[in-house]
Amino acid sequence: MATVQLQSLTLTRSSTLPSLTSPPIPVTARRNSAALPSYSGLRLRATVGIVFSTRAASRTAPRGGRIACEAQNTTVEVTAITDGNWQSLVLEADTPVLVEFWAPWCGPCRMIHPIIDELAKEYVGKLKCYKLNTDESPSTASRYGIRSIPTVIIFKNGEKKDTVIGAVPKTTLTSSIEKFL
């Protein structure tokens, strides 16, 4: 890993730099005049100074440069599934699958959505996460006996392995997931 130092900010970047053992590159200019190697994913914006006027003297307060991430496909979304694609996405999956049964009018379902999103990011490649709207796909929900929502079911090799009912903490879901990885 190589580092680039921007005033008081130090970034660690992967092997996109020419050498992994190169020393940090100090950036002391106020504009984008530093010669940085080209790479994709991050864009540096110019550093701007703010001028303050005081009675004694005027001074310039530097603002830190901004770095904007332009990386593509870095987010993991929990895909919505239906009765039509249930068989191919859940029952025939080669990895464990977590399915959240929910409805748009359900308050606790909206509370658990961010937790399911975090779990999908944490277990990317190890666990597939889906959500099934019980109002739009009632036959799958009734097949698995869903009587209250949110309900999270973990499937492995097409079989129902564990069920968690209600808006539970992330640790509860994590411990259920870990049993089947």
C-alpha atoms as a PDB file:
ATOM      1  CA  MET A   1       0.000   0.000   0.000  1.00  0.00           C
ATOM      2  CA  ALA A   2       1.175   3.503  -0.750  1.00  0.00           C
ATOM      3  CA  THR A   3       0.075   6.704   0.925  1.00  0.00           C
ATOM      4  CA  VAL A   4      -0.546  10.185  -0.397  1.00  0.00           C
ATOM      5  CA  GLN A   5      -0.454  13.053   2.055  1.00  0.00           C
ATOM      6  CA  LEU A   6      -2.701  16.052   1.365  1.00  0.00           C
ATOM      7  CA  GLN A   7      -1.945  18.786   3.863  1.00  0.00           C
ATOM      8  CA  SER A   8      -3.204  17.068   7.033  1.00  0.00           C
ATOM      9  CA  LEU A   9      -5.018  14.210   5.299  1.00  0.00           C
ATOM     10  CA  THR A  10      -3.291  10.905   4.530  1.00  0.00           C
ATOM     11  CA  LEU A  11      -4.893   8.464   2.100  1.00  0.00           C
ATOM     12  CA  THR A  12      -3.899   4.850   1.772  1.00  0.00           C
ATOM     13  CA  ARG A  13      -4.382   3.516  -1.736  1.00  0.00           C
ATOM     14  CA  SER A  14      -4.093   0.040  -3.171  1.00  0.00           C
ATOM     15  CA  SER A  15      -1.688  -1.112  -5.847  1.00  0.00           C
ATOM     16  CA  THR A  16      -2.780   1.551  -8.358  1.00  0.00           C
ATOM     17  CA  LEU A  17       0.424   3.486  -7.681  1.00  0.00           C
ATOM     18  CA  PRO A  18       3.526   2.566  -9.692  1.00  0.00           C
ATOM     19  CA  SER A  19       5.407   1.328  -6.625  1.00  0.00           C
ATOM     20  CA  LEU A  20       4.196  -0.120  -3.367  1.00  0.00           C
ATOM     21  CA  THR A  21       7.259   1.138  -1.531  1.00  0.00           C
ATOM     22  CA  SER A  22       7.188   4.756  -2.709  1.00  0.00           C
ATOM     23  CA  PRO A  23       7.326   7.398   0.035  1.00  0.00           C
ATOM     24  CA  PRO A  24       4.337   9.668   0.781  1.00  0.00           C
ATOM     25  CA  ILE A  25       3.880  12.468  -1.755  1.00  0.00           C
ATOM     26  CA  PRO A  26       3.565  15.805   0.078  1.00  0.00           C
ATOM     27  CA  VAL A  27       1.127  18.300  -1.432  1.00  0.00           C
ATOM     28  CA  THR A  28       1.957  21.819  -0.371  1.00  0.00           C
ATOM     29  CA  ALA A  29       0.417  23.924  -3.138  1.00  0.00           C
ATOM     30  CA  ARG A  30      -2.926  25.631  -2.661  1.00  0.00           C
ATOM     31  CA  ARG A  31      -4.208  24.596  -6.113  1.00  0.00           C
ATOM     32  CA  ASN A  32      -4.160  21.276  -7.936  1.00  0.00           C
ATOM     33  CA  SER A  33      -0.586  21.701  -9.069  1.00  0.00           C
ATOM     34  CA  ALA A  34       0.736  18.509  -7.469  1.00  0.00           C
ATOM     35  CA  ALA A  35       1.693  15.783  -9.916  1.00  0.00           C
ATOM     36  CA  LEU A  36      -0.304  12.761  -8.823  1.00  0.00           C
ATOM     37  CA  PRO A  37      -0.446   9.520 -10.761  1.00  0.00           C
ATOM     38  CA  SER A  38      -3.624   8.993 -12.727  1.00  0.00           C
ATOM     39  CA  TYR A  39      -6.150   6.536 -11.352  1.00  0.00           C
ATOM     40  CA  SER A  40      -9.876   5.988 -11.418  1.00  0.00           C
ATOM     41  CA  GLY A  41     -12.303   5.956  -8.555  1.00  0.00           C
ATOM     42  CA  LEU A  42     -11.348   9.184  -6.775  1.00  0.00           C
ATOM     43  CA  ARG A  43     -11.273  12.753  -8.017  1.00  0.00           C
ATOM     44  CA  LEU A  44      -9.334  15.537  -6.281  1.00  0.00           C
ATOM     45  CA  ARG A  45     -10.881  18.991  -6.179  1.00  0.00           C
ATOM     46  CA  ALA A  46      -8.936  22.201  -5.819  1.00  0.00           C
ATOM     47  CA  THR A  47      -8.125  23.546  -2.369  1.00  0.00           C
ATOM     48  CA  VAL A  48      -9.727  26.921  -1.767  1.00  0.00           C
ATOM     49  CA  GLY A  49      -8.618  29.574   0.728  1.00  0.00           C
ATOM     50  CA  ILE A  50     -10.996  31.771   2.724  1.00  0.00           C
ATOM     51  CA  VAL A  51      -9.874  35.319   3.439  1.00  0.00           C
ATOM     52  CA  PHE A  52     -10.686  36.846   6.839  1.00  0.00           C
ATOM     53  CA  SER A  53     -10.324  40.539   7.530  1.00  0.00           C
ATOM     54  CA  THR A  54      -9.305  41.655  10.998  1.00  0.00           C
ATOM     55  CA  ARG A  55      -8.260  45.039  12.338  1.00  0.00           C
ATOM     56  CA  ALA A  56      -4.664  43.987  12.840  1.00  0.00           C
ATOM     57  CA  ALA A  57      -4.127  42.211   9.546  1.00  0.00           C
ATOM     58  CA  SER A  58      -5.856  40.058   7.031  1.00  0.00           C
ATOM     59  CA  ARG A  59      -5.039  36.390   6.821  1.00  0.00           C
ATOM     60  CA  THR A  60      -6.006  33.433   4.694  1.00  0.00           C
ATOM     61  CA  ALA A  61      -7.402  30.275   6.270  1.00  0.00           C
ATOM     62  CA  PRO A  62      -6.825  27.254   4.057  1.00  0.00           C
ATOM     63  CA  ARG A  63      -9.627  24.799   3.454  1.00  0.00           C
ATOM     64  CA  GLY A  64      -8.792  21.166   2.966  1.00  0.00           C
ATOM     65  CA  GLY A  65      -9.002  19.657  -0.509  1.00  0.00           C
ATOM     66  CA  ARG A  66     -12.035  17.565  -1.244  1.00  0.00           C
ATOM     67  CA  ILE A  67     -11.956  14.023  -2.484  1.00  0.00           C
ATOM     68  CA  ALA A  68     -15.026  12.688  -4.237  1.00  0.00           C
ATOM     69  CA  CYS A  69     -15.492   8.975  -4.766  1.00  0.00           C
ATOM     70  CA  GLU A  70     -16.538   8.114  -8.286  1.00  0.00           C
ATOM     71  CA  ALA A  71     -16.151   4.347  -7.998  1.00  0.00           C
ATOM     72  CA  GLN A  72     -18.830   2.374  -9.777  1.00  0.00           C
ATOM     73  CA  ASN A  73     -20.780  -0.607  -8.416  1.00  0.00           C
ATOM     74  CA  THR A  74     -19.563  -0.212  -4.848  1.00  0.00           C
ATOM     75  CA  THR A  75     -22.981  -0.308  -3.237  1.00  0.00           C
ATOM     76  CA  VAL A  76     -24.799  -3.488  -2.415  1.00  0.00           C
ATOM     77  CA  GLU A  77     -28.559  -3.277  -2.702  1.00  0.00           C
ATOM     78  CA  VAL A  78     -30.973  -5.754  -1.240  1.00  0.00           C
ATOM     79  CA  THR A  79     -32.892  -6.989  -4.277  1.00  0.00           C
ATOM     80  CA  ALA A  80     -36.656  -7.286  -4.178  1.00  0.00           C
ATOM     81  CA  ILE A  81     -37.944 -10.706  -5.194  1.00  0.00           C
ATOM     82  CA  THR A  82     -41.392 -12.009  -6.122  1.00  0.00           C
ATOM     83  CA  ASP A  83     -43.278 -15.286  -6.392  1.00  0.00           C
ATOM     84  CA  GLY A  84     -42.016 -15.541  -9.978  1.00  0.00           C
ATOM     85  CA  ASN A  85     -38.280 -15.538  -9.263  1.00  0.00           C
ATOM     86  CA  TRP A  86     -38.400 -17.188  -5.800  1.00  0.00           C
ATOM     87  CA  GLN A  87     -37.391 -20.623  -7.063  1.00  0.00           C
ATOM     88  CA  SER A  88     -34.324 -19.467  -9.022  1.00  0.00           C
ATOM     89  CA  LEU A  89     -33.023 -16.878  -6.552  1.00  0.00           C
ATOM     90  CA  VAL A  90     -33.719 -18.541  -3.194  1.00  0.00           C
ATOM     91  CA  LEU A  91     -34.306 -22.262  -3.503  1.00  0.00           C
ATOM     92  CA  GLU A  92     -31.666 -22.890  -6.178  1.00  0.00           C
ATOM     93  CA  ALA A  93     -29.005 -20.563  -4.711  1.00  0.00           C
ATOM     94  CA  ASP A  94     -25.513 -21.963  -4.158  1.00  0.00           C
ATOM     95  CA  THR A  95     -24.891 -19.779  -1.088  1.00  0.00           C
ATOM     96  CA  PRO A  96     -27.005 -19.184   2.027  1.00  0.00           C
ATOM     97  CA  VAL A  97     -29.870 -16.745   1.453  1.00  0.00           C
ATOM     98  CA  LEU A  98     -31.471 -14.271   3.847  1.00  0.00           C
ATOM     99  CA  VAL A  99     -35.008 -13.179   2.931  1.00  0.00           C
ATOM    100  CA  GLU A 100     -36.825 -10.349   4.674  1.00  0.00           C
ATOM    101  CA  PHE A 101     -40.614 -10.587   4.448  1.00  0.00           C
ATOM    102  CA  TRP A 102     -42.024  -7.062   4.722  1.00  0.00           C
ATOM    103  CA  ALA A 103     -44.782  -4.659   3.646  1.00  0.00           C
ATOM    104  CA  PRO A 104     -44.607  -0.935   2.854  1.00  0.00           C
ATOM    105  CA  TRP A 105     -47.159  -0.020   5.561  1.00  0.00           C
ATOM    106  CA  CYS A 106     -45.207  -1.829   8.313  1.00  0.00           C
ATOM    107  CA  GLY A 107     -43.272   0.520  10.644  1.00  0.00           C
ATOM    108  CA  PRO A 108     -40.986  -2.132  12.182  1.00  0.00           C
ATOM    109  CA  CYS A 109     -40.148  -3.314   8.640  1.00  0.00           C
ATOM    110  CA  ARG A 110     -38.834   0.148   7.811  1.00  0.00           C
ATOM    111  CA  MET A 111     -36.781   0.067  11.017  1.00  0.00           C
ATOM    112  CA  ILE A 112     -35.063  -3.193  10.044  1.00  0.00           C
ATOM    113  CA  HIS A 113     -34.340  -2.222   6.389  1.00  0.00           C
ATOM    114  CA  PRO A 114     -31.056  -0.405   7.214  1.00  0.00           C
ATOM    115  CA  ILE A 115     -29.887  -3.381   9.265  1.00  0.00           C
ATOM    116  CA  ILE A 116     -30.555  -5.769   6.373  1.00  0.00           C
ATOM    117  CA  ASP A 117     -28.684  -3.363   4.046  1.00  0.00           C
ATOM    118  CA  GLU A 118     -25.664  -3.383   6.403  1.00  0.00           C
ATOM    119  CA  LEU A 119     -25.703  -7.173   6.611  1.00  0.00           C
ATOM    120  CA  ALA A 120     -25.826  -7.429   2.811  1.00  0.00           C
ATOM    121  CA  LYS A 121     -22.677  -5.269   2.622  1.00  0.00           C
ATOM    122  CA  GLU A 122     -20.880  -7.169   5.382  1.00  0.00           C
ATOM    123  CA  TYR A 123     -21.595 -10.623   3.981  1.00  0.00           C
ATOM    124  CA  VAL A 124     -21.205  -9.868   0.275  1.00  0.00           C
ATOM    125  CA  GLY A 125     -20.051 -13.030  -1.494  1.00  0.00           C
ATOM    126  CA  LYS A 126     -20.964 -15.221   1.505  1.00  0.00           C
ATOM    127  CA  LEU A 127     -24.702 -14.543   1.811  1.00  0.00           C
ATOM    128  CA  LYS A 128     -27.352 -13.328  -0.605  1.00  0.00           C
ATOM    129  CA  CYS A 129     -29.938 -10.944   0.837  1.00  0.00           C
ATOM    130  CA  TYR A 130     -33.391 -10.399  -0.647  1.00  0.00           C
ATOM    131  CA  LYS A 131     -36.644  -8.766   0.416  1.00  0.00           C
ATOM    132  CA  LEU A 132     -40.119 -10.005  -0.427  1.00  0.00           C
ATOM    133  CA  ASN A 133     -43.134  -7.693  -0.243  1.00  0.00           C
ATOM    134  CA  THR A 134     -45.902  -9.828   1.297  1.00  0.00           C
ATOM    135  CA  ASP A 135     -48.612  -7.622  -0.258  1.00  0.00           C
ATOM    136  CA  GLU A 136     -47.274  -8.267  -3.774  1.00  0.00           C
ATOM    137  CA  SER A 137     -46.299 -11.934  -3.266  1.00  0.00           C
ATOM    138  CA  PRO A 138     -48.795 -13.418  -0.810  1.00  0.00           C
ATOM    139  CA  SER A 139     -48.492 -17.047  -1.971  1.00  0.00           C
ATOM    140  CA  THR A 140     -44.813 -17.348  -1.001  1.00  0.00           C
ATOM    141  CA  ALA A 141     -45.499 -15.665   2.340  1.00  0.00           C
ATOM    142  CA  SER A 142     -48.367 -18.059   3.111  1.00  0.00           C
ATOM    143  CA  ARG A 143     -46.301 -21.092   1.960  1.00  0.00           C
ATOM    144  CA  TYR A 144     -43.758 -20.314   4.694  1.00  0.00           C
ATOM    145  CA  GLY A 145     -46.367 -19.445   7.335  1.00  0.00           C
ATOM    146  CA  ILE A 146     -45.583 -15.747   7.568  1.00  0.00           C
ATOM    147  CA  ARG A 147     -48.166 -14.373  10.019  1.00  0.00           C
ATOM    148  CA  SER A 148     -46.313 -11.299  11.281  1.00  0.00           C
ATOM    149  CA  ILE A 149     -43.806  -8.999   9.667  1.00  0.00           C
ATOM    150  CA  PRO A 150     -40.975  -8.292   9.560  1.00  0.00           C
ATOM    151  CA  THR A 151     -39.893 -11.903   9.408  1.00  0.00           C
ATOM    152  CA  VAL A 152     -36.384 -12.881   8.318  1.00  0.00           C
ATOM    153  CA  ILE A 153     -35.782 -16.431   7.110  1.00  0.00           C
ATOM    154  CA  ILE A 154     -32.385 -17.921   6.331  1.00  0.00           C
ATOM    155  CA  PHE A 155     -32.263 -20.594   3.632  1.00  0.00           C
ATOM    156  CA  LYS A 156     -29.386 -22.936   2.852  1.00  0.00           C
ATOM    157  CA  ASN A 157     -29.431 -25.458  -0.004  1.00  0.00           C
ATOM    158  CA  GLY A 158     -33.069 -24.561  -0.658  1.00  0.00           C
ATOM    159  CA  GLU A 159     -34.171 -25.429   2.872  1.00  0.00           C
ATOM    160  CA  LYS A 160     -35.533 -23.115   5.553  1.00  0.00           C
ATOM    161  CA  LYS A 161     -32.919 -23.135   8.331  1.00  0.00           C
ATOM    162  CA  ASP A 162     -33.783 -20.323  10.751  1.00  0.00           C
ATOM    163  CA  THR A 163     -36.534 -17.739  11.318  1.00  0.00           C
ATOM    164  CA  VAL A 164     -36.334 -14.425  13.165  1.00  0.00           C
ATOM    165  CA  ILE A 165     -39.609 -12.586  13.748  1.00  0.00           C
ATOM    166  CA  GLY A 166     -39.854  -8.878  14.509  1.00  0.00           C
ATOM    167  CA  ALA A 167     -37.547  -5.869  14.398  1.00  0.00           C
ATOM    168  CA  VAL A 168     -34.560  -7.314  16.228  1.00  0.00           C
ATOM    169  CA  PRO A 169     -31.060  -5.911  16.830  1.00  0.00           C
ATOM    170  CA  LYS A 170     -28.321  -6.503  14.284  1.00  0.00           C
ATOM    171  CA  THR A 171     -26.501  -8.829  16.693  1.00  0.00           C
ATOM    172  CA  THR A 172     -29.460 -11.216  16.739  1.00  0.00           C
ATOM    173  CA  LEU A 173     -29.456 -11.463  12.948  1.00  0.00           C
ATOM    174  CA  THR A 174     -25.664 -11.761  12.817  1.00  0.00           C
ATOM    175  CA  SER A 175     -25.658 -14.701  15.223  1.00  0.00           C
ATOM    176  CA  SER A 176     -28.334 -16.452  13.150  1.00  0.00           C
ATOM    177  CA  ILE A 177     -26.358 -15.874   9.940  1.00  0.00           C
ATOM    178  CA  GLU A 178     -23.066 -17.083  11.399  1.00  0.00           C
ATOM    179  CA  LYS A 179     -24.569 -20.492  12.176  1.00  0.00           C
ATOM    180  CA  PHE A 180     -25.035 -21.227   8.483  1.00  0.00           C
ATOM    181  CA  LEU A 181     -21.914 -19.795   6.827  1.00  0.00           C
END
